[in-house]
Amino acid sequence: MGQRRPVGARELGASRAIAHWLATRGIGANAISLAGLGFALLAGAILAFGPDRAAWPWLAAAVLVELRLACNMFDGMVALERGAASKLGELYNEIPDRVADAAVLIGLGYAAEGAIWLGYVAALLAVFTAYVRVFGVSLGAPADFRGPMAKPTRMHLVALTALICAGTNLAGSHDDRIVTLALAVIALGALVTALRRIMRLADSIR
């Protein structure tokens, strides 16, 4: 397993064309990383303060979460395109990611109203999975991106949940249990993910 997260969309011709376009326009990888953080913070704020019984905030949050993931993919692609991969770039990649995870999941917790605490738990466990991966690399192990609830999976689930809530709001049948269930799945999945990574790390350093 390499040091880059395996993302199938990275190999698409359209993705490569977009990365090339961004690189040739002088848009740096670090700026893209920060843009991803901005999308995540905005998504978290909308989820925390906006959804209620309207559909558009949920739709906006879903789009912003997916844009955050797109930035996570394109920052590395642009860095390679420009030959500008660096240790500083890794800092811009990792730190905003952890803040972004927490912002989105805590925001979703507030959207669930009765399960605000679950948003914090999901955020803590999501950050912990990343900590285990980065700690493993510091010990000389390959970066472990295994799931079942790695970053792309949990963010896609948040976006899907937001789309479902938008639909139920349009139908006039909003149910907070949908959000609570999604957060429970993310939290449990992140816990399993962390445990799997810990066991793999222990095996690799024995």
N, C-alpha and C. Protein backbone atom coordinates (compact mmCIF):
# COMPACT_ATOMS: atom_id res chain seq x y z
N MET A 1 0.85 -1.20 0.00
CA MET A 1 0.00 0.00 0.00
C MET A 1 0.88 1.24 0.00
N GLY A 2 0.61 2.18 -0.90
CA GLY A 2 1.46 3.35 -1.04
C GLY A 2 1.12 4.43 -0.03
N GLN A 3 1.73 5.60 -0.22
CA GLN A 3 1.52 6.71 0.69
C GLN A 3 0.41 7.64 0.21
N ARG A 4 -0.18 7.35 -0.94
CA ARG A 4 -1.31 8.15 -1.43
C ARG A 4 -2.58 7.31 -1.36
N ARG A 5 -3.68 7.96 -0.98
CA ARG A 5 -4.94 7.26 -0.90
C ARG A 5 -5.35 6.79 -2.30
N PRO A 6 -5.68 5.51 -2.48
CA PRO A 6 -6.12 5.04 -3.79
C PRO A 6 -7.51 5.60 -4.12
N VAL A 7 -7.59 6.41 -5.15
CA VAL A 7 -8.86 7.02 -5.57
C VAL A 7 -9.04 6.74 -7.05
N GLY A 8 -10.04 5.95 -7.39
CA GLY A 8 -10.25 5.57 -8.78
C GLY A 8 -10.49 6.77 -9.69
N ALA A 9 -11.21 7.78 -9.18
CA ALA A 9 -11.54 8.95 -10.00
C ALA A 9 -10.30 9.71 -10.43
N ARG A 10 -9.19 9.51 -9.71
CA ARG A 10 -7.95 10.20 -10.06
C ARG A 10 -7.44 9.80 -11.44
N GLU A 11 -7.80 8.59 -11.87
CA GLU A 11 -7.30 8.07 -13.15
C GLU A 11 -8.19 8.45 -14.33
N LEU A 12 -9.32 9.08 -14.06
CA LEU A 12 -10.21 9.46 -15.14
C LEU A 12 -9.60 10.59 -15.98
N GLY A 13 -9.86 10.53 -17.27
CA GLY A 13 -9.34 11.57 -18.15
C GLY A 13 -9.83 12.95 -17.77
N ALA A 14 -11.10 13.05 -17.35
CA ALA A 14 -11.65 14.35 -16.96
C ALA A 14 -10.93 14.90 -15.74
N SER A 15 -10.63 14.03 -14.78
CA SER A 15 -9.92 14.47 -13.57
C SER A 15 -8.53 14.98 -13.92
N ARG A 16 -7.85 14.26 -14.78
CA ARG A 16 -6.51 14.69 -15.18
C ARG A 16 -6.56 16.01 -15.94
N ALA A 17 -7.59 16.19 -16.76
CA ALA A 17 -7.72 17.43 -17.52
C ALA A 17 -7.97 18.61 -16.58
N ILE A 18 -8.81 18.40 -15.57
CA ILE A 18 -9.08 19.46 -14.60
C ILE A 18 -7.82 19.80 -13.81
N ALA A 19 -7.09 18.77 -13.38
CA ALA A 19 -5.85 19.01 -12.63
C ALA A 19 -4.85 19.79 -13.48
N HIS A 20 -4.76 19.42 -14.76
CA HIS A 20 -3.84 20.14 -15.66
C HIS A 20 -4.27 21.58 -15.82
N TRP A 21 -5.59 21.80 -15.97
CA TRP A 21 -6.11 23.16 -16.14
C TRP A 21 -5.80 23.99 -14.90
N LEU A 22 -6.00 23.43 -13.72
CA LEU A 22 -5.72 24.16 -12.48
C LEU A 22 -4.23 24.49 -12.37
N ALA A 23 -3.40 23.51 -12.71
CA ALA A 23 -1.95 23.72 -12.60
C ALA A 23 -1.47 24.79 -13.56
N THR A 24 -1.99 24.78 -14.78
CA THR A 24 -1.55 25.76 -15.78
C THR A 24 -2.09 27.15 -15.50
N ARG A 25 -3.10 27.25 -14.65
CA ARG A 25 -3.64 28.56 -14.27
C ARG A 25 -2.95 29.12 -13.04
N GLY A 26 -1.95 28.40 -12.56
CA GLY A 26 -1.18 28.88 -11.41
C GLY A 26 -1.86 28.67 -10.08
N ILE A 27 -2.86 27.79 -10.04
CA ILE A 27 -3.55 27.51 -8.78
C ILE A 27 -2.77 26.43 -8.03
N GLY A 28 -2.27 26.77 -6.87
CA GLY A 28 -1.40 25.86 -6.14
C GLY A 28 -2.16 24.80 -5.36
N ALA A 29 -1.48 23.70 -5.08
CA ALA A 29 -2.08 22.60 -4.34
C ALA A 29 -2.51 23.04 -2.94
N ASN A 30 -1.70 23.88 -2.29
CA ASN A 30 -2.04 24.32 -0.94
C ASN A 30 -3.30 25.16 -0.92
N ALA A 31 -3.48 25.98 -1.96
CA ALA A 31 -4.69 26.78 -2.07
C ALA A 31 -5.91 25.89 -2.24
N ILE A 32 -5.75 24.81 -2.99
CA ILE A 32 -6.85 23.87 -3.18
C ILE A 32 -7.18 23.17 -1.86
N SER A 33 -6.16 22.81 -1.10
CA SER A 33 -6.38 22.20 0.21
C SER A 33 -7.18 23.14 1.12
N LEU A 34 -6.82 24.42 1.11
CA LEU A 34 -7.52 25.39 1.94
C LEU A 34 -8.95 25.62 1.44
N ALA A 35 -9.14 25.55 0.12
CA ALA A 35 -10.49 25.67 -0.44
C ALA A 35 -11.35 24.51 0.06
N GLY A 36 -10.77 23.31 0.09
CA GLY A 36 -11.50 22.16 0.61
C GLY A 36 -11.93 22.37 2.05
N LEU A 37 -11.04 22.94 2.85
CA LEU A 37 -11.37 23.26 4.24
C LEU A 37 -12.52 24.26 4.29
N GLY A 38 -12.46 25.26 3.42
CA GLY A 38 -13.53 26.26 3.39
C GLY A 38 -14.88 25.64 3.05
N PHE A 39 -14.90 24.75 2.07
CA PHE A 39 -16.15 24.06 1.71
C PHE A 39 -16.69 23.26 2.90
N ALA A 40 -15.79 22.58 3.61
CA ALA A 40 -16.21 21.76 4.74
C ALA A 40 -16.75 22.63 5.89
N LEU A 41 -16.08 23.74 6.18
CA LEU A 41 -16.54 24.63 7.24
C LEU A 41 -17.92 25.20 6.91
N LEU A 42 -18.11 25.56 5.64
CA LEU A 42 -19.40 26.09 5.23
C LEU A 42 -20.48 25.02 5.31
N ALA A 43 -20.13 23.80 4.90
CA ALA A 43 -21.09 22.69 4.99
C ALA A 43 -21.47 22.44 6.45
N GLY A 44 -20.46 22.43 7.34
CA GLY A 44 -20.74 22.21 8.75
C GLY A 44 -21.63 23.29 9.34
N ALA A 45 -21.38 24.55 8.94
CA ALA A 45 -22.19 25.66 9.45
C ALA A 45 -23.64 25.56 8.95
N ILE A 46 -23.81 25.21 7.69
CA ILE A 46 -25.16 25.06 7.14
C ILE A 46 -25.90 23.93 7.84
N LEU A 47 -25.21 22.82 8.06
CA LEU A 47 -25.84 21.69 8.75
C LEU A 47 -26.22 22.06 10.18
N ALA A 48 -25.36 22.81 10.84
CA ALA A 48 -25.60 23.15 12.24
C ALA A 48 -26.71 24.19 12.42
N PHE A 49 -26.80 25.12 11.49
CA PHE A 49 -27.71 26.25 11.69
C PHE A 49 -28.83 26.37 10.66
N GLY A 50 -28.72 25.62 9.54
CA GLY A 50 -29.64 25.91 8.45
C GLY A 50 -30.75 24.95 8.10
N PRO A 51 -30.58 23.63 8.28
CA PRO A 51 -31.51 22.70 7.64
C PRO A 51 -32.98 22.85 8.04
N ASP A 52 -33.28 22.68 9.33
CA ASP A 52 -34.65 22.72 9.81
C ASP A 52 -35.54 21.87 8.89
N ARG A 53 -36.59 22.45 8.35
CA ARG A 53 -37.49 21.67 7.49
C ARG A 53 -37.40 22.08 6.03
N ALA A 54 -36.38 22.88 5.67
CA ALA A 54 -36.19 23.29 4.28
C ALA A 54 -35.32 22.27 3.55
N ALA A 55 -35.40 22.27 2.22
CA ALA A 55 -34.62 21.32 1.43
C ALA A 55 -33.29 21.89 0.96
N TRP A 56 -33.26 23.19 0.64
CA TRP A 56 -32.07 23.76 0.00
C TRP A 56 -30.82 23.71 0.87
N PRO A 57 -30.92 23.89 2.20
CA PRO A 57 -29.68 23.80 2.98
C PRO A 57 -29.07 22.40 2.91
N TRP A 58 -29.90 21.37 2.93
CA TRP A 58 -29.40 20.00 2.82
C TRP A 58 -28.74 19.78 1.47
N LEU A 59 -29.36 20.29 0.41
CA LEU A 59 -28.76 20.16 -0.93
C LEU A 59 -27.42 20.88 -0.99
N ALA A 60 -27.38 22.09 -0.43
CA ALA A 60 -26.13 22.86 -0.42
C ALA A 60 -25.04 22.13 0.34
N ALA A 61 -25.40 21.55 1.48
CA ALA A 61 -24.42 20.82 2.29
C ALA A 61 -23.88 19.62 1.54
N ALA A 62 -24.76 18.90 0.83
CA ALA A 62 -24.33 17.73 0.06
C ALA A 62 -23.32 18.13 -1.01
N VAL A 63 -23.60 19.21 -1.71
CA VAL A 63 -22.69 19.68 -2.76
C VAL A 63 -21.37 20.12 -2.17
N LEU A 64 -21.40 20.84 -1.07
CA LEU A 64 -20.17 21.34 -0.44
C LEU A 64 -19.29 20.21 0.07
N VAL A 65 -19.92 19.17 0.62
CA VAL A 65 -19.14 18.02 1.10
C VAL A 65 -18.45 17.33 -0.07
N GLU A 66 -19.14 17.18 -1.19
CA GLU A 66 -18.51 16.55 -2.35
C GLU A 66 -17.42 17.45 -2.94
N LEU A 67 -17.61 18.76 -2.88
CA LEU A 67 -16.56 19.67 -3.34
C LEU A 67 -15.33 19.55 -2.45
N ARG A 68 -15.56 19.35 -1.15
CA ARG A 68 -14.44 19.15 -0.23
C ARG A 68 -13.64 17.92 -0.66
N LEU A 69 -14.33 16.83 -0.99
CA LEU A 69 -13.65 15.61 -1.43
C LEU A 69 -12.90 15.84 -2.74
N ALA A 70 -13.52 16.61 -3.64
CA ALA A 70 -12.87 16.90 -4.91
C ALA A 70 -11.56 17.66 -4.68
N CYS A 71 -11.59 18.61 -3.77
CA CYS A 71 -10.36 19.35 -3.44
C CYS A 71 -9.31 18.43 -2.86
N ASN A 72 -9.74 17.48 -2.03
CA ASN A 72 -8.80 16.51 -1.45
C ASN A 72 -8.11 15.68 -2.52
N MET A 73 -8.80 15.45 -3.63
CA MET A 73 -8.20 14.69 -4.72
C MET A 73 -7.30 15.58 -5.58
N PHE A 74 -7.80 16.77 -5.90
CA PHE A 74 -7.08 17.62 -6.85
C PHE A 74 -5.84 18.28 -6.26
N ASP A 75 -5.78 18.46 -4.94
CA ASP A 75 -4.58 19.11 -4.40
C ASP A 75 -3.33 18.26 -4.66
N GLY A 76 -3.46 16.94 -4.45
CA GLY A 76 -2.32 16.07 -4.73
C GLY A 76 -2.01 15.96 -6.21
N MET A 77 -3.06 15.92 -7.03
CA MET A 77 -2.85 15.82 -8.48
C MET A 77 -2.16 17.06 -9.02
N VAL A 78 -2.57 18.22 -8.52
CA VAL A 78 -1.96 19.48 -8.98
C VAL A 78 -0.51 19.57 -8.51
N ALA A 79 -0.26 19.11 -7.28
CA ALA A 79 1.13 19.14 -6.77
C ALA A 79 2.03 18.30 -7.66
N LEU A 80 1.56 17.14 -8.08
CA LEU A 80 2.36 16.28 -8.96
C LEU A 80 2.47 16.90 -10.35
N GLU A 81 1.40 17.50 -10.83
CA GLU A 81 1.39 18.12 -12.15
C GLU A 81 2.41 19.25 -12.22
N ARG A 82 2.54 19.99 -11.14
CA ARG A 82 3.47 21.12 -11.11
C ARG A 82 4.84 20.74 -10.58
N GLY A 83 5.00 19.47 -10.18
CA GLY A 83 6.27 19.04 -9.60
C GLY A 83 6.57 19.76 -8.32
N ALA A 84 5.50 20.02 -7.53
CA ALA A 84 5.67 20.84 -6.33
C ALA A 84 5.32 20.09 -5.06
N ALA A 85 5.32 18.77 -5.11
CA ALA A 85 5.04 17.99 -3.90
C ALA A 85 6.12 18.28 -2.86
N SER A 86 5.70 18.49 -1.60
CA SER A 86 6.66 18.85 -0.56
C SER A 86 6.13 18.47 0.81
N LYS A 87 7.02 18.53 1.80
CA LYS A 87 6.61 18.28 3.18
C LYS A 87 5.62 19.33 3.65
N LEU A 88 5.79 20.58 3.20
CA LEU A 88 4.85 21.63 3.55
C LEU A 88 3.47 21.31 2.98
N GLY A 89 3.46 20.75 1.79
CA GLY A 89 2.20 20.36 1.17
C GLY A 89 1.48 19.30 2.00
N GLU A 90 2.25 18.38 2.59
CA GLU A 90 1.65 17.35 3.45
C GLU A 90 0.99 17.99 4.66
N LEU A 91 1.60 19.05 5.17
CA LEU A 91 1.02 19.76 6.31
C LEU A 91 -0.31 20.40 5.91
N TYR A 92 -0.32 21.04 4.74
CA TYR A 92 -1.55 21.65 4.24
C TYR A 92 -2.61 20.59 3.95
N ASN A 93 -2.18 19.39 3.64
CA ASN A 93 -3.11 18.33 3.32
C ASN A 93 -3.72 17.72 4.58
N GLU A 94 -2.91 17.47 5.59
CA GLU A 94 -3.37 16.74 6.77
C GLU A 94 -4.15 17.61 7.76
N ILE A 95 -3.61 18.77 8.12
CA ILE A 95 -4.24 19.58 9.16
C ILE A 95 -5.63 20.06 8.75
N PRO A 96 -5.80 20.67 7.56
CA PRO A 96 -7.16 21.07 7.16
C PRO A 96 -8.13 19.89 7.07
N ASP A 97 -7.63 18.71 6.69
CA ASP A 97 -8.50 17.54 6.60
C ASP A 97 -9.11 17.19 7.94
N ARG A 98 -8.32 17.26 9.00
CA ARG A 98 -8.84 16.90 10.31
C ARG A 98 -9.87 17.91 10.79
N VAL A 99 -9.61 19.18 10.55
CA VAL A 99 -10.58 20.22 10.91
C VAL A 99 -11.85 20.06 10.09
N ALA A 100 -11.69 19.74 8.80
CA ALA A 100 -12.84 19.57 7.91
C ALA A 100 -13.72 18.42 8.36
N ASP A 101 -13.09 17.29 8.71
CA ASP A 101 -13.86 16.15 9.20
C ASP A 101 -14.71 16.54 10.40
N ALA A 102 -14.07 17.18 11.37
CA ALA A 102 -14.77 17.56 12.59
C ALA A 102 -15.90 18.54 12.30
N ALA A 103 -15.66 19.52 11.45
CA ALA A 103 -16.67 20.53 11.14
C ALA A 103 -17.92 19.90 10.54
N VAL A 104 -17.73 19.01 9.58
CA VAL A 104 -18.87 18.39 8.90
C VAL A 104 -19.65 17.49 9.85
N LEU A 105 -18.94 16.64 10.59
CA LEU A 105 -19.63 15.67 11.44
C LEU A 105 -20.28 16.32 12.66
N ILE A 106 -19.64 17.31 13.24
CA ILE A 106 -20.26 18.03 14.36
C ILE A 106 -21.47 18.80 13.86
N GLY A 107 -21.35 19.40 12.69
CA GLY A 107 -22.49 20.09 12.10
C GLY A 107 -23.66 19.15 11.89
N LEU A 108 -23.36 17.95 11.39
CA LEU A 108 -24.42 16.97 11.18
C LEU A 108 -25.05 16.56 12.52
N GLY A 109 -24.24 16.52 13.56
CA GLY A 109 -24.78 16.21 14.89
C GLY A 109 -25.79 17.24 15.34
N TYR A 110 -25.50 18.51 15.11
CA TYR A 110 -26.45 19.56 15.47
C TYR A 110 -27.71 19.48 14.61
N ALA A 111 -27.56 19.04 13.38
CA ALA A 111 -28.73 18.87 12.51
C ALA A 111 -29.65 17.77 13.03
N ALA A 112 -29.05 16.80 13.75
CA ALA A 112 -29.85 15.71 14.29
C ALA A 112 -30.61 16.12 15.55
N GLU A 113 -30.29 17.29 16.08
CA GLU A 113 -30.95 17.87 17.25
C GLU A 113 -30.85 16.97 18.48
N GLY A 114 -31.53 15.87 18.51
CA GLY A 114 -31.54 15.03 19.70
C GLY A 114 -30.29 14.20 19.87
N ALA A 115 -29.37 14.24 18.90
CA ALA A 115 -28.16 13.42 18.97
C ALA A 115 -26.92 14.26 18.71
N ILE A 116 -26.90 15.45 19.27
CA ILE A 116 -25.75 16.33 19.05
C ILE A 116 -24.46 15.66 19.51
N TRP A 117 -24.52 14.96 20.62
CA TRP A 117 -23.34 14.29 21.17
C TRP A 117 -22.75 13.28 20.19
N LEU A 118 -23.62 12.67 19.37
CA LEU A 118 -23.17 11.66 18.44
C LEU A 118 -22.31 12.28 17.34
N GLY A 119 -22.57 13.53 17.00
CA GLY A 119 -21.73 14.22 16.03
C GLY A 119 -20.32 14.40 16.55
N TYR A 120 -20.19 14.73 17.83
CA TYR A 120 -18.87 14.88 18.44
C TYR A 120 -18.14 13.54 18.52
N VAL A 121 -18.89 12.49 18.86
CA VAL A 121 -18.28 11.16 18.92
C VAL A 121 -17.78 10.73 17.54
N ALA A 122 -18.62 10.93 16.53
CA ALA A 122 -18.23 10.56 15.16
C ALA A 122 -17.00 11.35 14.73
N ALA A 123 -16.95 12.65 15.06
CA ALA A 123 -15.81 13.49 14.70
C ALA A 123 -14.54 13.00 15.39
N LEU A 124 -14.64 12.68 16.67
CA LEU A 124 -13.48 12.20 17.43
C LEU A 124 -12.94 10.91 16.83
N LEU A 125 -13.84 9.98 16.52
CA LEU A 125 -13.40 8.70 15.97
C LEU A 125 -12.84 8.86 14.56
N ALA A 126 -13.41 9.78 13.78
CA ALA A 126 -12.90 10.02 12.44
C ALA A 126 -11.47 10.55 12.49
N VAL A 127 -11.23 11.49 13.40
CA VAL A 127 -9.88 12.04 13.56
C VAL A 127 -8.93 10.96 14.07
N PHE A 128 -9.44 10.08 14.92
CA PHE A 128 -8.60 9.01 15.47
C PHE A 128 -8.14 8.05 14.38
N THR A 129 -9.01 7.74 13.42
CA THR A 129 -8.60 6.86 12.32
C THR A 129 -7.43 7.47 11.56
N ALA A 130 -7.49 8.78 11.34
CA ALA A 130 -6.40 9.46 10.64
C ALA A 130 -5.13 9.47 11.49
N TYR A 131 -5.31 9.65 12.80
CA TYR A 131 -4.15 9.64 13.70
C TYR A 131 -3.42 8.30 13.63
N VAL A 132 -4.18 7.21 13.63
CA VAL A 132 -3.56 5.89 13.57
C VAL A 132 -2.76 5.74 12.28
N ARG A 133 -3.34 6.21 11.17
CA ARG A 133 -2.64 6.12 9.87
C ARG A 133 -1.34 6.92 9.89
N VAL A 134 -1.42 8.17 10.33
CA VAL A 134 -0.24 9.04 10.33
C VAL A 134 0.80 8.53 11.33
N PHE A 135 0.36 8.04 12.49
CA PHE A 135 1.28 7.49 13.47
C PHE A 135 1.99 6.27 12.90
N GLY A 136 1.26 5.45 12.16
CA GLY A 136 1.87 4.28 11.53
C GLY A 136 2.97 4.69 10.57
N VAL A 137 2.71 5.72 9.78
CA VAL A 137 3.72 6.20 8.83
C VAL A 137 4.95 6.70 9.58
N SER A 138 4.74 7.35 10.73
CA SER A 138 5.87 7.85 11.51
C SER A 138 6.74 6.72 12.03
N LEU A 139 6.15 5.52 12.13
CA LEU A 139 6.90 4.35 12.59
C LEU A 139 7.52 3.57 11.43
N GLY A 140 7.31 4.08 10.23
CA GLY A 140 7.90 3.44 9.06
C GLY A 140 6.98 2.48 8.34
N ALA A 141 5.71 2.40 8.76
CA ALA A 141 4.75 1.52 8.10
C ALA A 141 4.13 2.24 6.90
N PRO A 142 3.64 1.48 5.91
CA PRO A 142 2.94 2.12 4.79
C PRO A 142 1.67 2.80 5.28
N ALA A 143 1.26 3.84 4.60
CA ALA A 143 0.00 4.52 4.95
C ALA A 143 -1.16 3.55 4.75
N ASP A 144 -1.98 3.41 5.77
CA ASP A 144 -3.09 2.46 5.74
C ASP A 144 -4.40 3.23 5.56
N PHE A 145 -4.98 3.11 4.38
CA PHE A 145 -6.21 3.84 4.07
C PHE A 145 -7.44 2.94 4.13
N ARG A 146 -7.29 1.75 4.72
CA ARG A 146 -8.40 0.80 4.73
C ARG A 146 -9.60 1.34 5.49
N GLY A 147 -10.77 0.83 5.14
CA GLY A 147 -12.03 1.20 5.77
C GLY A 147 -12.40 0.23 6.87
N PRO A 148 -13.68 0.06 7.10
CA PRO A 148 -14.79 0.38 6.19
C PRO A 148 -15.25 1.83 6.19
N MET A 149 -14.74 2.67 7.09
CA MET A 149 -15.24 4.04 7.14
C MET A 149 -14.08 5.02 7.06
N ALA A 150 -13.34 4.94 5.93
CA ALA A 150 -12.28 5.92 5.67
C ALA A 150 -12.93 7.24 5.26
N LYS A 151 -12.13 8.27 5.12
CA LYS A 151 -12.65 9.61 4.86
C LYS A 151 -13.62 9.69 3.69
N PRO A 152 -13.28 9.17 2.50
CA PRO A 152 -14.22 9.30 1.38
C PRO A 152 -15.56 8.65 1.67
N THR A 153 -15.53 7.48 2.32
CA THR A 153 -16.77 6.77 2.61
C THR A 153 -17.66 7.56 3.56
N ARG A 154 -17.07 8.09 4.63
CA ARG A 154 -17.91 8.81 5.59
C ARG A 154 -18.43 10.12 5.01
N MET A 155 -17.64 10.78 4.16
CA MET A 155 -18.13 12.02 3.56
C MET A 155 -19.20 11.75 2.51
N HIS A 156 -19.05 10.68 1.74
CA HIS A 156 -20.10 10.31 0.79
C HIS A 156 -21.39 9.97 1.54
N LEU A 157 -21.26 9.33 2.70
CA LEU A 157 -22.43 8.99 3.48
C LEU A 157 -23.11 10.24 4.02
N VAL A 158 -22.31 11.22 4.43
CA VAL A 158 -22.89 12.50 4.87
C VAL A 158 -23.65 13.15 3.72
N ALA A 159 -23.05 13.17 2.54
CA ALA A 159 -23.70 13.78 1.39
C ALA A 159 -24.99 13.04 1.03
N LEU A 160 -24.94 11.72 1.07
CA LEU A 160 -26.14 10.93 0.79
C LEU A 160 -27.23 11.21 1.81
N THR A 161 -26.84 11.29 3.08
CA THR A 161 -27.81 11.60 4.13
C THR A 161 -28.46 12.96 3.90
N ALA A 162 -27.64 13.93 3.50
CA ALA A 162 -28.17 15.26 3.23
C ALA A 162 -29.16 15.24 2.07
N LEU A 163 -28.85 14.48 1.04
CA LEU A 163 -29.77 14.37 -0.10
C LEU A 163 -31.09 13.71 0.31
N ILE A 164 -30.99 12.68 1.14
CA ILE A 164 -32.21 12.01 1.62
C ILE A 164 -33.05 12.97 2.45
N CYS A 165 -32.39 13.74 3.31
CA CYS A 165 -33.11 14.71 4.13
C CYS A 165 -33.75 15.81 3.28
N ALA A 166 -33.06 16.20 2.21
CA ALA A 166 -33.65 17.19 1.30
C ALA A 166 -34.93 16.62 0.69
N GLY A 167 -34.86 15.35 0.30
CA GLY A 167 -36.04 14.72 -0.28
C GLY A 167 -37.18 14.58 0.70
N THR A 168 -36.88 14.17 1.92
CA THR A 168 -37.95 14.02 2.92
C THR A 168 -38.54 15.38 3.30
N ASN A 169 -37.70 16.41 3.30
CA ASN A 169 -38.23 17.75 3.59
C ASN A 169 -39.17 18.22 2.49
N LEU A 170 -38.80 17.94 1.25
CA LEU A 170 -39.68 18.31 0.14
C LEU A 170 -41.00 17.56 0.23
N ALA A 171 -40.94 16.33 0.73
CA ALA A 171 -42.15 15.52 0.85
C ALA A 171 -42.92 15.83 2.13
N GLY A 172 -42.35 16.69 2.97
CA GLY A 172 -43.02 17.05 4.22
C GLY A 172 -42.99 15.97 5.26
N SER A 173 -41.97 15.10 5.19
CA SER A 173 -41.91 13.99 6.14
C SER A 173 -40.53 13.91 6.80
N HIS A 174 -40.00 15.03 7.23
CA HIS A 174 -38.66 15.08 7.84
C HIS A 174 -38.60 14.18 9.07
N ASP A 175 -37.50 13.45 9.20
CA ASP A 175 -37.32 12.54 10.33
C ASP A 175 -35.86 12.61 10.77
N ASP A 176 -35.63 13.14 11.98
CA ASP A 176 -34.26 13.28 12.51
C ASP A 176 -33.56 11.94 12.69
N ARG A 177 -34.32 10.86 12.75
CA ARG A 177 -33.71 9.55 12.96
C ARG A 177 -32.82 9.14 11.79
N ILE A 178 -33.08 9.70 10.62
CA ILE A 178 -32.21 9.41 9.46
C ILE A 178 -30.80 9.91 9.73
N VAL A 179 -30.71 11.13 10.24
CA VAL A 179 -29.40 11.72 10.54
C VAL A 179 -28.74 10.98 11.69
N THR A 180 -29.50 10.66 12.71
CA THR A 180 -28.95 9.94 13.86
C THR A 180 -28.40 8.59 13.43
N LEU A 181 -29.13 7.88 12.57
CA LEU A 181 -28.68 6.58 12.09
C LEU A 181 -27.38 6.73 11.29
N ALA A 182 -27.31 7.73 10.43
CA ALA A 182 -26.10 7.96 9.64
C ALA A 182 -24.90 8.22 10.54
N LEU A 183 -25.08 9.04 11.55
CA LEU A 183 -23.98 9.34 12.48
C LEU A 183 -23.56 8.10 13.25
N ALA A 184 -24.53 7.28 13.64
CA ALA A 184 -24.19 6.04 14.36
C ALA A 184 -23.39 5.11 13.47
N VAL A 185 -23.77 5.00 12.20
CA VAL A 185 -23.05 4.15 11.26
C VAL A 185 -21.63 4.67 11.06
N ILE A 186 -21.49 6.01 10.92
CA ILE A 186 -20.17 6.61 10.74
C ILE A 186 -19.30 6.38 11.97
N ALA A 187 -19.86 6.59 13.15
CA ALA A 187 -19.08 6.41 14.39
C ALA A 187 -18.65 4.96 14.56
N LEU A 188 -19.58 4.04 14.38
CA LEU A 188 -19.23 2.63 14.53
C LEU A 188 -18.24 2.20 13.45
N GLY A 189 -18.48 2.66 12.23
CA GLY A 189 -17.56 2.31 11.14
C GLY A 189 -16.17 2.87 11.35
N ALA A 190 -16.09 4.09 11.90
CA ALA A 190 -14.78 4.69 12.18
C ALA A 190 -14.06 3.93 13.27
N LEU A 191 -14.80 3.47 14.27
CA LEU A 191 -14.19 2.68 15.34
C LEU A 191 -13.61 1.37 14.78
N VAL A 192 -14.39 0.70 13.95
CA VAL A 192 -13.91 -0.54 13.33
C VAL A 192 -12.69 -0.26 12.45
N THR A 193 -12.74 0.84 11.73
CA THR A 193 -11.63 1.23 10.86
C THR A 193 -10.35 1.44 11.67
N ALA A 194 -10.48 2.18 12.77
CA ALA A 194 -9.31 2.43 13.62
C ALA A 194 -8.74 1.13 14.17
N LEU A 195 -9.61 0.24 14.62
CA LEU A 195 -9.15 -1.04 15.18
C LEU A 195 -8.45 -1.87 14.11
N ARG A 196 -9.00 -1.90 12.89
CA ARG A 196 -8.36 -2.65 11.81
C ARG A 196 -6.98 -2.09 11.50
N ARG A 197 -6.87 -0.76 11.49
CA ARG A 197 -5.58 -0.13 11.19
C ARG A 197 -4.57 -0.39 12.31
N ILE A 198 -5.05 -0.38 13.56
CA ILE A 198 -4.15 -0.65 14.68
C ILE A 198 -3.61 -2.07 14.59
N MET A 199 -4.48 -3.02 14.29
CA MET A 199 -4.05 -4.41 14.19
C MET A 199 -3.07 -4.60 13.04
N ARG A 200 -3.33 -3.94 11.91
CA ARG A 200 -2.40 -4.03 10.78
C ARG A 200 -1.06 -3.40 11.13
N LEU A 201 -1.11 -2.28 11.85
CA LEU A 201 0.12 -1.60 12.25
C LEU A 201 0.93 -2.48 13.20
N ALA A 202 0.25 -3.11 14.15
CA ALA A 202 0.94 -3.99 15.09
C ALA A 202 1.62 -5.13 14.35
N ASP A 203 0.94 -5.69 13.35
CA ASP A 203 1.52 -6.78 12.57
C ASP A 203 2.75 -6.30 11.79
N SER A 204 2.69 -5.10 11.26
CA SER A 204 3.77 -4.61 10.42
C SER A 204 5.04 -4.25 11.18
N ILE A 205 4.90 -3.93 12.47
CA ILE A 205 6.07 -3.49 13.23
C ILE A 205 6.60 -4.59 14.15
N ARG A 206 5.94 -5.74 14.18
CA ARG A 206 6.44 -6.84 15.00
C ARG A 206 7.78 -7.34 14.47
